[in-house]
Amino acid sequence: MKVAAIGNIIEFKDGLQGIVEKVNENSVIVDLTYMDNYRDMDLERRTVVNHKNYKIIEA
């Protein structure tokens, strides 16, 4: 499993995408405002995603 780095764009949970802001031991903190439709979705600005649950889209 490849671990994302700060600034990487990842995809997780049915197509949500975001920019990695912080890398922790078991997870990353992701900024969801990267998505064009962020304002249309009822989501928090940031979320935590386990390393097992995402795919790196752009390094």
N, C-alpha and C. Protein backbone atom coordinates (compact mmCIF):
# COMPACT_ATOMS: atom_id res chain seq x y z
N MET A 1 0.85 -1.19 0.00
CA MET A 1 0.00 0.00 0.00
C MET A 1 0.89 1.24 0.00
N LYS A 2 0.64 2.14 -0.93
CA LYS A 2 1.40 3.38 -1.01
C LYS A 2 0.69 4.45 -0.18
N VAL A 3 1.44 5.13 0.66
CA VAL A 3 0.88 6.17 1.53
C VAL A 3 0.99 7.52 0.83
N ALA A 4 -0.08 8.29 0.87
CA ALA A 4 -0.11 9.61 0.24
C ALA A 4 0.80 10.58 0.99
N ALA A 5 1.22 11.61 0.29
CA ALA A 5 2.04 12.68 0.87
C ALA A 5 1.22 13.98 0.87
N ILE A 6 1.69 14.94 1.63
CA ILE A 6 1.02 16.25 1.67
C ILE A 6 0.97 16.83 0.26
N GLY A 7 -0.21 17.29 -0.15
CA GLY A 7 -0.39 17.88 -1.47
C GLY A 7 -0.92 16.91 -2.51
N ASN A 8 -0.88 15.60 -2.23
CA ASN A 8 -1.44 14.61 -3.16
C ASN A 8 -2.96 14.75 -3.22
N ILE A 9 -3.52 14.42 -4.37
CA ILE A 9 -4.97 14.38 -4.53
C ILE A 9 -5.37 12.92 -4.44
N ILE A 10 -6.34 12.64 -3.56
CA ILE A 10 -6.78 11.26 -3.37
C ILE A 10 -8.27 11.14 -3.64
N GLU A 11 -8.69 9.92 -3.92
CA GLU A 11 -10.11 9.61 -4.12
C GLU A 11 -10.50 8.54 -3.12
N PHE A 12 -11.68 8.68 -2.54
CA PHE A 12 -12.14 7.74 -1.52
C PHE A 12 -13.66 7.74 -1.49
N LYS A 13 -14.23 6.76 -0.82
CA LYS A 13 -15.67 6.69 -0.55
C LYS A 13 -16.54 7.14 -1.72
N ASP A 14 -16.69 6.29 -2.71
CA ASP A 14 -17.60 6.53 -3.83
C ASP A 14 -17.31 7.80 -4.62
N GLY A 15 -16.05 8.10 -4.86
CA GLY A 15 -15.70 9.21 -5.75
C GLY A 15 -15.39 10.54 -5.12
N LEU A 16 -15.45 10.67 -3.81
CA LEU A 16 -15.06 11.93 -3.19
C LEU A 16 -13.56 12.14 -3.41
N GLN A 17 -13.16 13.40 -3.61
CA GLN A 17 -11.76 13.71 -3.83
C GLN A 17 -11.35 14.86 -2.93
N GLY A 18 -10.05 14.90 -2.62
CA GLY A 18 -9.54 15.98 -1.81
C GLY A 18 -8.03 16.03 -1.82
N ILE A 19 -7.49 17.08 -1.24
CA ILE A 19 -6.05 17.29 -1.15
C ILE A 19 -5.59 16.93 0.25
N VAL A 20 -4.53 16.13 0.33
CA VAL A 20 -3.99 15.69 1.61
C VAL A 20 -3.31 16.89 2.29
N GLU A 21 -3.74 17.18 3.52
CA GLU A 21 -3.16 18.28 4.29
C GLU A 21 -2.18 17.80 5.36
N LYS A 22 -2.43 16.60 5.89
CA LYS A 22 -1.57 16.07 6.95
C LYS A 22 -1.56 14.56 6.85
N VAL A 23 -0.39 13.97 7.07
CA VAL A 23 -0.25 12.52 7.05
C VAL A 23 0.01 12.05 8.47
N ASN A 24 -0.85 11.16 8.96
CA ASN A 24 -0.69 10.57 10.29
C ASN A 24 -0.23 9.12 10.12
N GLU A 25 -0.01 8.44 11.23
CA GLU A 25 0.48 7.06 11.17
C GLU A 25 -0.48 6.13 10.44
N ASN A 26 -1.78 6.25 10.71
CA ASN A 26 -2.76 5.35 10.12
C ASN A 26 -3.76 6.02 9.18
N SER A 27 -3.64 7.33 8.99
CA SER A 27 -4.64 8.05 8.21
C SER A 27 -4.08 9.35 7.65
N VAL A 28 -4.89 9.99 6.82
CA VAL A 28 -4.56 11.32 6.30
C VAL A 28 -5.73 12.25 6.58
N ILE A 29 -5.44 13.53 6.71
CA ILE A 29 -6.48 14.56 6.83
C ILE A 29 -6.58 15.22 5.46
N VAL A 30 -7.82 15.28 4.95
CA VAL A 30 -8.06 15.69 3.57
C VAL A 30 -8.95 16.93 3.51
N ASP A 31 -8.56 17.90 2.67
CA ASP A 31 -9.36 19.10 2.42
C ASP A 31 -10.29 18.80 1.24
N LEU A 32 -11.59 18.80 1.50
CA LEU A 32 -12.57 18.44 0.48
C LEU A 32 -12.96 19.60 -0.43
N THR A 33 -12.54 20.82 -0.13
CA THR A 33 -12.93 21.97 -0.95
C THR A 33 -12.30 21.91 -2.35
N TYR A 34 -11.43 20.95 -2.59
CA TYR A 34 -10.83 20.74 -3.91
C TYR A 34 -11.91 20.40 -4.96
N MET A 35 -12.96 19.71 -4.54
CA MET A 35 -14.01 19.29 -5.48
C MET A 35 -14.82 20.49 -5.98
N ASP A 36 -15.13 20.49 -7.26
CA ASP A 36 -15.92 21.58 -7.86
C ASP A 36 -17.30 21.70 -7.23
N ASN A 37 -17.91 20.56 -6.89
CA ASN A 37 -19.27 20.55 -6.36
C ASN A 37 -19.30 20.51 -4.83
N TYR A 38 -18.22 20.92 -4.18
CA TYR A 38 -18.15 20.89 -2.72
C TYR A 38 -19.30 21.66 -2.07
N ARG A 39 -19.59 22.84 -2.56
CA ARG A 39 -20.65 23.67 -1.95
C ARG A 39 -22.04 23.05 -2.10
N ASP A 40 -22.24 22.24 -3.12
CA ASP A 40 -23.53 21.60 -3.34
C ASP A 40 -23.74 20.41 -2.40
N MET A 41 -22.66 19.87 -1.90
CA MET A 41 -22.74 18.71 -1.01
C MET A 41 -22.73 19.19 0.44
N ASP A 42 -23.40 18.49 1.29
CA ASP A 42 -23.46 18.87 2.70
C ASP A 42 -22.34 18.14 3.45
N LEU A 43 -21.10 18.63 3.26
CA LEU A 43 -19.92 18.00 3.85
C LEU A 43 -19.13 18.99 4.70
N GLU A 44 -18.40 18.46 5.66
CA GLU A 44 -17.45 19.27 6.41
C GLU A 44 -16.31 19.64 5.47
N ARG A 45 -15.54 20.66 5.85
CA ARG A 45 -14.41 21.10 5.02
C ARG A 45 -13.29 20.06 4.98
N ARG A 46 -13.05 19.39 6.10
CA ARG A 46 -11.99 18.39 6.19
C ARG A 46 -12.55 17.07 6.71
N THR A 47 -11.84 15.99 6.38
CA THR A 47 -12.20 14.68 6.90
C THR A 47 -10.94 13.84 7.07
N VAL A 48 -11.07 12.76 7.82
CA VAL A 48 -9.96 11.83 8.06
C VAL A 48 -10.24 10.56 7.28
N VAL A 49 -9.23 10.05 6.57
CA VAL A 49 -9.37 8.84 5.77
C VAL A 49 -8.23 7.89 6.11
N ASN A 50 -8.57 6.65 6.42
CA ASN A 50 -7.58 5.63 6.71
C ASN A 50 -6.78 5.32 5.44
N HIS A 51 -5.50 4.97 5.62
CA HIS A 51 -4.64 4.67 4.47
C HIS A 51 -5.19 3.54 3.60
N LYS A 52 -5.96 2.64 4.18
CA LYS A 52 -6.52 1.51 3.43
C LYS A 52 -7.68 1.92 2.54
N ASN A 53 -8.23 3.12 2.76
CA ASN A 53 -9.49 3.48 2.13
C ASN A 53 -9.41 4.56 1.06
N TYR A 54 -8.23 4.80 0.50
CA TYR A 54 -8.14 5.79 -0.57
C TYR A 54 -7.21 5.32 -1.67
N LYS A 55 -7.30 6.04 -2.80
CA LYS A 55 -6.43 5.79 -3.95
C LYS A 55 -5.83 7.13 -4.33
N ILE A 56 -4.52 7.16 -4.59
CA ILE A 56 -3.85 8.40 -4.99
C ILE A 56 -4.16 8.67 -6.46
N ILE A 57 -4.72 9.84 -6.74
CA ILE A 57 -5.09 10.23 -8.08
C ILE A 57 -3.95 11.00 -8.75
N GLU A 58 -3.37 11.94 -8.00
CA GLU A 58 -2.30 12.80 -8.54
C GLU A 58 -1.29 13.07 -7.46
N ALA A 59 -0.04 12.72 -7.75
CA ALA A 59 1.03 12.94 -6.76
C ALA A 59 1.67 14.29 -6.93
